[in-house]
Amino acid sequence: MGKILLFLLGILAIWLLRRKFDGGASRPRRGNPAPQPPAEPERITACAQCGLHVPESEGVMEGGHFYCSDAHRQLGPRA
């Protein structure tokens, strides 16, 4: 009975040492997901009518000109 207990304690000790020094290289760690690369920054463009700088997703393009709003698009580029 003593030999079996000693054998099981030895196996447990080896398992604990392997866990400690393995560093978790064989399994992905939980909790901290891999960092995501930053998204591409959005371009900021000046309105052809008033000069206000606006993100391109919020403005209007027409005829090769960028406008901050539909009202400025209707007025056209500044003379």
PDB file of N, CA and C in Angstrom:
ATOM      1  N   MET A   1       0.825  -1.196   0.000  1.00  0.00           N
ATOM      2  CA  MET A   1       0.000   0.000   0.000  1.00  0.00           C
ATOM      3  C   MET A   1       0.867   1.257   0.000  1.00  0.00           C
ATOM      4  N   GLY A   2       1.956   1.264   0.727  1.00  0.00           N
ATOM      5  CA  GLY A   2       2.860   2.407   0.803  1.00  0.00           C
ATOM      6  C   GLY A   2       3.515   2.694  -0.527  1.00  0.00           C
ATOM      7  N   LYS A   3       3.823   1.632  -1.316  1.00  0.00           N
ATOM      8  CA  LYS A   3       4.464   1.832  -2.618  1.00  0.00           C
ATOM      9  C   LYS A   3       3.500   2.476  -3.602  1.00  0.00           C
ATOM     10  N   ILE A   4       2.249   2.083  -3.544  1.00  0.00           N
ATOM     11  CA  ILE A   4       1.247   2.656  -4.451  1.00  0.00           C
ATOM     12  C   ILE A   4       1.042   4.138  -4.131  1.00  0.00           C
ATOM     13  N   LEU A   5       0.967   4.463  -2.854  1.00  0.00           N
ATOM     14  CA  LEU A   5       0.798   5.856  -2.442  1.00  0.00           C
ATOM     15  C   LEU A   5       2.002   6.686  -2.862  1.00  0.00           C
ATOM     16  N   LEU A   6       3.207   6.149  -2.692  1.00  0.00           N
ATOM     17  CA  LEU A   6       4.428   6.847  -3.092  1.00  0.00           C
ATOM     18  C   LEU A   6       4.450   7.044  -4.613  1.00  0.00           C
ATOM     19  N   PHE A   7       4.023   6.028  -5.354  1.00  0.00           N
ATOM     20  CA  PHE A   7       3.963   6.123  -6.813  1.00  0.00           C
ATOM     21  C   PHE A   7       2.973   7.215  -7.245  1.00  0.00           C
ATOM     22  N   LEU A   8       1.796   7.259  -6.634  1.00  0.00           N
ATOM     23  CA  LEU A   8       0.800   8.276  -6.977  1.00  0.00           C
ATOM     24  C   LEU A   8       1.277   9.685  -6.613  1.00  0.00           C
ATOM     25  N   LEU A   9       1.961   9.825  -5.494  1.00  0.00           N
ATOM     26  CA  LEU A   9       2.513  11.134  -5.111  1.00  0.00           C
ATOM     27  C   LEU A   9       3.593  11.573  -6.109  1.00  0.00           C
ATOM     28  N   GLY A  10       4.384  10.625  -6.585  1.00  0.00           N
ATOM     29  CA  GLY A  10       5.417  10.937  -7.588  1.00  0.00           C
ATOM     30  C   GLY A  10       4.784  11.416  -8.888  1.00  0.00           C
ATOM     31  N   ILE A  11       3.728  10.732  -9.323  1.00  0.00           N
ATOM     32  CA  ILE A  11       3.021  11.134 -10.545  1.00  0.00           C
ATOM     33  C   ILE A  11       2.430  12.535 -10.370  1.00  0.00           C
ATOM     34  N   LEU A  12       1.827  12.788  -9.218  1.00  0.00           N
ATOM     35  CA  LEU A  12       1.245  14.099  -8.939  1.00  0.00           C
ATOM     36  C   LEU A  12       2.327  15.183  -8.945  1.00  0.00           C
ATOM     37  N   ALA A  13       3.475  14.901  -8.353  1.00  0.00           N
ATOM     38  CA  ALA A  13       4.572  15.871  -8.301  1.00  0.00           C
ATOM     39  C   ALA A  13       5.079  16.175  -9.717  1.00  0.00           C
ATOM     40  N   ILE A  14       5.215  15.152 -10.545  1.00  0.00           N
ATOM     41  CA  ILE A  14       5.670  15.366 -11.920  1.00  0.00           C
ATOM     42  C   ILE A  14       4.660  16.199 -12.688  1.00  0.00           C
ATOM     43  N   TRP A  15       3.386  15.890 -12.523  1.00  0.00           N
ATOM     44  CA  TRP A  15       2.330  16.635 -13.219  1.00  0.00           C
ATOM     45  C   TRP A  15       2.340  18.110 -12.808  1.00  0.00           C
ATOM     46  N   LEU A  16       2.491  18.369 -11.491  1.00  0.00           N
ATOM     47  CA  LEU A  16       2.512  19.753 -11.013  1.00  0.00           C
ATOM     48  C   LEU A  16       3.734  20.504 -11.530  1.00  0.00           C
ATOM     49  N   LEU A  17       4.883  19.847 -11.557  1.00  0.00           N
ATOM     50  CA  LEU A  17       6.098  20.499 -12.062  1.00  0.00           C
ATOM     51  C   LEU A  17       5.977  20.810 -13.554  1.00  0.00           C
ATOM     52  N   ARG A  18       5.402  19.895 -14.316  1.00  0.00           N
ATOM     53  CA  ARG A  18       5.234  20.140 -15.748  1.00  0.00           C
ATOM     54  C   ARG A  18       4.289  21.306 -15.992  1.00  0.00           C
ATOM     55  N   ARG A  19       3.234  21.403 -15.211  1.00  0.00           N
ATOM     56  CA  ARG A  19       2.293  22.526 -15.354  1.00  0.00           C
ATOM     57  C   ARG A  19       2.957  23.848 -15.027  1.00  0.00           C
ATOM     58  N   LYS A  20       3.795  23.828 -13.994  1.00  0.00           N
ATOM     59  CA  LYS A  20       4.436  25.064 -13.562  1.00  0.00           C
ATOM     60  C   LYS A  20       5.457  25.550 -14.595  1.00  0.00           C
ATOM     61  N   PHE A  21       6.266  24.658 -15.134  1.00  0.00           N
ATOM     62  CA  PHE A  21       7.354  25.055 -16.016  1.00  0.00           C
ATOM     63  C   PHE A  21       7.009  24.990 -17.493  1.00  0.00           C
ATOM     64  N   ASP A  22       5.865  24.446 -17.833  1.00  0.00           N
ATOM     65  CA  ASP A  22       5.457  24.369 -19.236  1.00  0.00           C
ATOM     66  C   ASP A  22       5.120  25.756 -19.776  1.00  0.00           C
ATOM     67  N   GLY A  23       4.576  26.624 -18.974  1.00  0.00           N
ATOM     68  CA  GLY A  23       4.234  27.978 -19.380  1.00  0.00           C
ATOM     69  C   GLY A  23       2.959  28.067 -20.182  1.00  0.00           C
ATOM     70  N   GLY A  24       2.228  26.980 -20.290  1.00  0.00           N
ATOM     71  CA  GLY A  24       0.962  26.994 -21.011  1.00  0.00           C
ATOM     72  C   GLY A  24       1.127  27.113 -22.512  1.00  0.00           C
ATOM     73  N   ALA A  25       2.302  26.737 -23.048  1.00  0.00           N
ATOM     74  CA  ALA A  25       2.546  26.867 -24.482  1.00  0.00           C
ATOM     75  C   ALA A  25       1.676  25.926 -25.300  1.00  0.00           C
ATOM     76  N   SER A  26       1.276  24.820 -24.717  1.00  0.00           N
ATOM     77  CA  SER A  26       0.495  23.855 -25.483  1.00  0.00           C
ATOM     78  C   SER A  26      -0.974  24.256 -25.594  1.00  0.00           C
ATOM     79  N   ARG A  27      -1.488  25.111 -24.706  1.00  0.00           N
ATOM     80  CA  ARG A  27      -2.889  25.520 -24.710  1.00  0.00           C
ATOM     81  C   ARG A  27      -2.995  27.035 -24.755  1.00  0.00           C
ATOM     82  N   PRO A  28      -3.983  27.543 -25.468  1.00  0.00           N
ATOM     83  CA  PRO A  28      -4.181  28.996 -25.417  1.00  0.00           C
ATOM     84  C   PRO A  28      -4.697  29.419 -24.049  1.00  0.00           C
ATOM     85  N   ARG A  29      -4.284  30.582 -23.620  1.00  0.00           N
ATOM     86  CA  ARG A  29      -4.733  31.098 -22.324  1.00  0.00           C
ATOM     87  C   ARG A  29      -6.121  31.682 -22.454  1.00  0.00           C
ATOM     88  N   ARG A  30      -6.876  31.569 -21.397  1.00  0.00           N
ATOM     89  CA  ARG A  30      -8.213  32.148 -21.367  1.00  0.00           C
ATOM     90  C   ARG A  30      -8.162  33.532 -20.753  1.00  0.00           C
ATOM     91  N   GLY A  31      -9.190  34.302 -21.000  1.00  0.00           N
ATOM     92  CA  GLY A  31      -9.311  35.601 -20.333  1.00  0.00           C
ATOM     93  C   GLY A  31      -8.868  36.753 -21.201  1.00  0.00           C
ATOM     94  N   ASN A  32      -7.634  36.776 -21.673  1.00  0.00           N
ATOM     95  CA  ASN A  32      -7.118  37.886 -22.461  1.00  0.00           C
ATOM     96  C   ASN A  32      -7.087  37.487 -23.926  1.00  0.00           C
ATOM     97  N   PRO A  33      -8.046  37.953 -24.725  1.00  0.00           N
ATOM     98  CA  PRO A  33      -8.021  37.617 -26.144  1.00  0.00           C
ATOM     99  C   PRO A  33      -6.861  38.318 -26.833  1.00  0.00           C
ATOM    100  N   ALA A  34      -6.473  37.825 -27.986  1.00  0.00           N
ATOM    101  CA  ALA A  34      -5.391  38.448 -28.741  1.00  0.00           C
ATOM    102  C   ALA A  34      -5.796  39.879 -29.096  1.00  0.00           C
ATOM    103  N   PRO A  35      -4.867  40.831 -28.981  1.00  0.00           N
ATOM    104  CA  PRO A  35      -5.211  42.216 -29.294  1.00  0.00           C
ATOM    105  C   PRO A  35      -5.533  42.363 -30.776  1.00  0.00           C
ATOM    106  N   GLN A  36      -6.563  43.141 -31.071  1.00  0.00           N
ATOM    107  CA  GLN A  36      -6.982  43.376 -32.440  1.00  0.00           C
ATOM    108  C   GLN A  36      -6.183  44.541 -33.013  1.00  0.00           C
ATOM    109  N   PRO A  37      -5.802  44.458 -34.285  1.00  0.00           N
ATOM    110  CA  PRO A  37      -5.093  45.594 -34.877  1.00  0.00           C
ATOM    111  C   PRO A  37      -6.027  46.792 -34.947  1.00  0.00           C
ATOM    112  N   PRO A  38      -5.494  47.985 -34.815  1.00  0.00           N
ATOM    113  CA  PRO A  38      -6.358  49.169 -34.858  1.00  0.00           C
ATOM    114  C   PRO A  38      -7.000  49.310 -36.234  1.00  0.00           C
ATOM    115  N   ALA A  39      -8.219  49.815 -36.242  1.00  0.00           N
ATOM    116  CA  ALA A  39      -8.940  50.027 -37.499  1.00  0.00           C
ATOM    117  C   ALA A  39      -8.284  51.163 -38.276  1.00  0.00           C
ATOM    118  N   GLU A  40      -8.456  51.132 -39.570  1.00  0.00           N
ATOM    119  CA  GLU A  40      -7.914  52.210 -40.403  1.00  0.00           C
ATOM    120  C   GLU A  40      -8.584  53.522 -40.021  1.00  0.00           C
ATOM    121  N   PRO A  41      -7.832  54.591 -39.870  1.00  0.00           N
ATOM    122  CA  PRO A  41      -8.447  55.878 -39.543  1.00  0.00           C
ATOM    123  C   PRO A  41      -9.259  56.394 -40.731  1.00  0.00           C
ATOM    124  N   GLU A  42     -10.327  57.084 -40.419  1.00  0.00           N
ATOM    125  CA  GLU A  42     -11.180  57.632 -41.469  1.00  0.00           C
ATOM    126  C   GLU A  42     -10.609  58.953 -41.957  1.00  0.00           C
ATOM    127  N   ARG A  43     -10.690  59.167 -43.236  1.00  0.00           N
ATOM    128  CA  ARG A  43     -10.184  60.410 -43.811  1.00  0.00           C
ATOM    129  C   ARG A  43     -11.100  61.570 -43.452  1.00  0.00           C
ATOM    130  N   ILE A  44     -10.493  62.702 -43.165  1.00  0.00           N
ATOM    131  CA  ILE A  44     -11.217  63.938 -42.881  1.00  0.00           C
ATOM    132  C   ILE A  44     -10.959  64.869 -44.069  1.00  0.00           C
ATOM    133  N   THR A  45     -12.024  65.382 -44.666  1.00  0.00           N
ATOM    134  CA  THR A  45     -11.896  66.194 -45.877  1.00  0.00           C
ATOM    135  C   THR A  45     -12.610  67.528 -45.684  1.00  0.00           C
ATOM    136  N   ALA A  46     -12.071  68.560 -46.308  1.00  0.00           N
ATOM    137  CA  ALA A  46     -12.656  69.904 -46.210  1.00  0.00           C
ATOM    138  C   ALA A  46     -13.812  70.049 -47.187  1.00  0.00           C
ATOM    139  N   CYS A  47     -14.851  70.732 -46.740  1.00  0.00           N
ATOM    140  CA  CYS A  47     -16.011  71.024 -47.584  1.00  0.00           C
ATOM    141  C   CYS A  47     -15.596  72.033 -48.660  1.00  0.00           C
ATOM    142  N   ALA A  48     -16.020  71.770 -49.911  1.00  0.00           N
ATOM    143  CA  ALA A  48     -15.685  72.672 -51.017  1.00  0.00           C
ATOM    144  C   ALA A  48     -16.408  74.012 -50.900  1.00  0.00           C
ATOM    145  N   GLN A  49     -17.465  74.092 -50.109  1.00  0.00           N
ATOM    146  CA  GLN A  49     -18.246  75.330 -49.975  1.00  0.00           C
ATOM    147  C   GLN A  49     -17.768  76.160 -48.784  1.00  0.00           C
ATOM    148  N   CYS A  50     -17.677  75.545 -47.585  1.00  0.00           N
ATOM    149  CA  CYS A  50     -17.374  76.337 -46.379  1.00  0.00           C
ATOM    150  C   CYS A  50     -15.994  76.056 -45.776  1.00  0.00           C
ATOM    151  N   GLY A  51     -15.346  74.975 -46.208  1.00  0.00           N
ATOM    152  CA  GLY A  51     -14.016  74.672 -45.696  1.00  0.00           C
ATOM    153  C   GLY A  51     -14.011  73.851 -44.416  1.00  0.00           C
ATOM    154  N   LEU A  52     -15.187  73.518 -43.878  1.00  0.00           N
ATOM    155  CA  LEU A  52     -15.280  72.723 -42.659  1.00  0.00           C
ATOM    156  C   LEU A  52     -14.723  71.326 -42.914  1.00  0.00           C
ATOM    157  N   HIS A  53     -13.904  70.830 -42.017  1.00  0.00           N
ATOM    158  CA  HIS A  53     -13.355  69.485 -42.152  1.00  0.00           C
ATOM    159  C   HIS A  53     -14.313  68.479 -41.513  1.00  0.00           C
ATOM    160  N   VAL A  54     -14.717  67.482 -42.304  1.00  0.00           N
ATOM    161  CA  VAL A  54     -15.728  66.502 -41.902  1.00  0.00           C
ATOM    162  C   VAL A  54     -15.243  65.108 -42.291  1.00  0.00           C
ATOM    163  N   PRO A  55     -15.547  64.069 -41.482  1.00  0.00           N
ATOM    164  CA  PRO A  55     -15.232  62.698 -41.911  1.00  0.00           C
ATOM    165  C   PRO A  55     -15.957  62.389 -43.224  1.00  0.00           C
ATOM    166  N   GLU A  56     -15.282  61.674 -44.118  1.00  0.00           N
ATOM    167  CA  GLU A  56     -15.867  61.398 -45.429  1.00  0.00           C
ATOM    168  C   GLU A  56     -17.187  60.627 -45.344  1.00  0.00           C
ATOM    169  N   SER A  57     -17.356  59.827 -44.305  1.00  0.00           N
ATOM    170  CA  SER A  57     -18.598  59.060 -44.189  1.00  0.00           C
ATOM    171  C   SER A  57     -19.799  59.947 -43.847  1.00  0.00           C
ATOM    172  N   GLU A  58     -19.560  61.167 -43.367  1.00  0.00           N
ATOM    173  CA  GLU A  58     -20.648  62.062 -42.972  1.00  0.00           C
ATOM    174  C   GLU A  58     -20.950  63.132 -44.019  1.00  0.00           C
ATOM    175  N   GLY A  59     -20.125  63.203 -45.049  1.00  0.00           N
ATOM    176  CA  GLY A  59     -20.318  64.232 -46.062  1.00  0.00           C
ATOM    177  C   GLY A  59     -20.911  63.677 -47.342  1.00  0.00           C
ATOM    178  N   VAL A  60     -20.914  64.544 -48.387  1.00  0.00           N
ATOM    179  CA  VAL A  60     -21.504  64.206 -49.675  1.00  0.00           C
ATOM    180  C   VAL A  60     -20.478  64.510 -50.772  1.00  0.00           C
ATOM    181  N   MET A  61     -20.318  63.570 -51.708  1.00  0.00           N
ATOM    182  CA  MET A  61     -19.429  63.789 -52.861  1.00  0.00           C
ATOM    183  C   MET A  61     -20.279  64.028 -54.097  1.00  0.00           C
ATOM    184  N   GLU A  62     -19.858  65.012 -54.908  1.00  0.00           N
ATOM    185  CA  GLU A  62     -20.510  65.228 -56.204  1.00  0.00           C
ATOM    186  C   GLU A  62     -19.545  65.963 -57.115  1.00  0.00           C
ATOM    187  N   GLY A  63     -19.407  65.461 -58.323  1.00  0.00           N
ATOM    188  CA  GLY A  63     -18.567  66.131 -59.321  1.00  0.00           C
ATOM    189  C   GLY A  63     -17.122  66.294 -58.892  1.00  0.00           C
ATOM    190  N   GLY A  64     -16.607  65.377 -58.119  1.00  0.00           N
ATOM    191  CA  GLY A  64     -15.214  65.464 -57.667  1.00  0.00           C
ATOM    192  C   GLY A  64     -15.003  66.405 -56.496  1.00  0.00           C
ATOM    193  N   HIS A  65     -16.073  66.975 -55.970  1.00  0.00           N
ATOM    194  CA  HIS A  65     -15.986  67.876 -54.816  1.00  0.00           C
ATOM    195  C   HIS A  65     -16.647  67.211 -53.610  1.00  0.00           C
ATOM    196  N   PHE A  66     -16.123  67.536 -52.429  1.00  0.00           N
ATOM    197  CA  PHE A  66     -16.666  67.010 -51.176  1.00  0.00           C
ATOM    198  C   PHE A  66     -17.382  68.139 -50.450  1.00  0.00           C
ATOM    199  N   TYR A  67     -18.573  67.824 -49.914  1.00  0.00           N
ATOM    200  CA  TYR A  67     -19.368  68.824 -49.194  1.00  0.00           C
ATOM    201  C   TYR A  67     -19.749  68.281 -47.816  1.00  0.00           C
ATOM    202  N   CYS A  68     -19.894  69.186 -46.850  1.00  0.00           N
ATOM    203  CA  CYS A  68     -20.237  68.775 -45.490  1.00  0.00           C
ATOM    204  C   CYS A  68     -21.712  68.443 -45.343  1.00  0.00           C
ATOM    205  N   SER A  69     -22.559  68.933 -46.261  1.00  0.00           N
ATOM    206  CA  SER A  69     -24.003  68.680 -46.173  1.00  0.00           C
ATOM    207  C   SER A  69     -24.612  68.746 -47.572  1.00  0.00           C
ATOM    208  N   ASP A  70     -25.846  68.295 -47.660  1.00  0.00           N
ATOM    209  CA  ASP A  70     -26.560  68.338 -48.932  1.00  0.00           C
ATOM    210  C   ASP A  70     -26.847  69.783 -49.338  1.00  0.00           C
ATOM    211  N   ALA A  71     -27.079  70.640 -48.368  1.00  0.00           N
ATOM    212  CA  ALA A  71     -27.349  72.055 -48.668  1.00  0.00           C
ATOM    213  C   ALA A  71     -26.129  72.700 -49.335  1.00  0.00           C
ATOM    214  N   HIS A  72     -24.930  72.396 -48.849  1.00  0.00           N
ATOM    215  CA  HIS A  72     -23.722  72.956 -49.452  1.00  0.00           C
ATOM    216  C   HIS A  72     -23.443  72.307 -50.807  1.00  0.00           C
ATOM    217  N   ARG A  73     -23.849  71.048 -50.982  1.00  0.00           N
ATOM    218  CA  ARG A  73     -23.705  70.390 -52.282  1.00  0.00           C
ATOM    219  C   ARG A  73     -24.536  71.132 -53.324  1.00  0.00           C
ATOM    220  N   GLN A  74     -25.742  71.531 -52.926  1.00  0.00           N
ATOM    221  CA  GLN A  74     -26.633  72.241 -53.842  1.00  0.00           C
ATOM    222  C   GLN A  74     -26.082  73.627 -54.215  1.00  0.00           C
ATOM    223  N   LEU A  75     -25.352  74.259 -53.274  1.00  0.00           N
ATOM    224  CA  LEU A  75     -24.745  75.562 -53.563  1.00  0.00           C
ATOM    225  C   LEU A  75     -23.533  75.447 -54.486  1.00  0.00           C
ATOM    226  N   GLY A  76     -22.882  74.300 -54.438  1.00  0.00           N
ATOM    227  CA  GLY A  76     -21.706  74.093 -55.287  1.00  0.00           C
ATOM    228  C   GLY A  76     -20.442  74.603 -54.619  1.00  0.00           C
ATOM    229  N   PRO A  77     -19.304  74.455 -55.306  1.00  0.00           N
ATOM    230  CA  PRO A  77     -18.031  74.894 -54.709  1.00  0.00           C
ATOM    231  C   PRO A  77     -17.962  76.421 -54.586  1.00  0.00           C
ATOM    232  N   ARG A  78     -17.205  76.847 -53.607  1.00  0.00           N
ATOM    233  CA  ARG A  78     -17.014  78.295 -53.348  1.00  0.00           C
ATOM    234  C   ARG A  78     -16.272  78.909 -54.528  1.00  0.00           C
ATOM    235  N   ALA A  79     -16.681  80.066 -54.944  1.00  0.00           N
ATOM    236  CA  ALA A  79     -16.060  80.731 -56.101  1.00  0.00           C
ATOM    237  C   ALA A  79     -14.797  81.440 -55.731  1.00  0.00           C
TER     238      ALA A  79
END
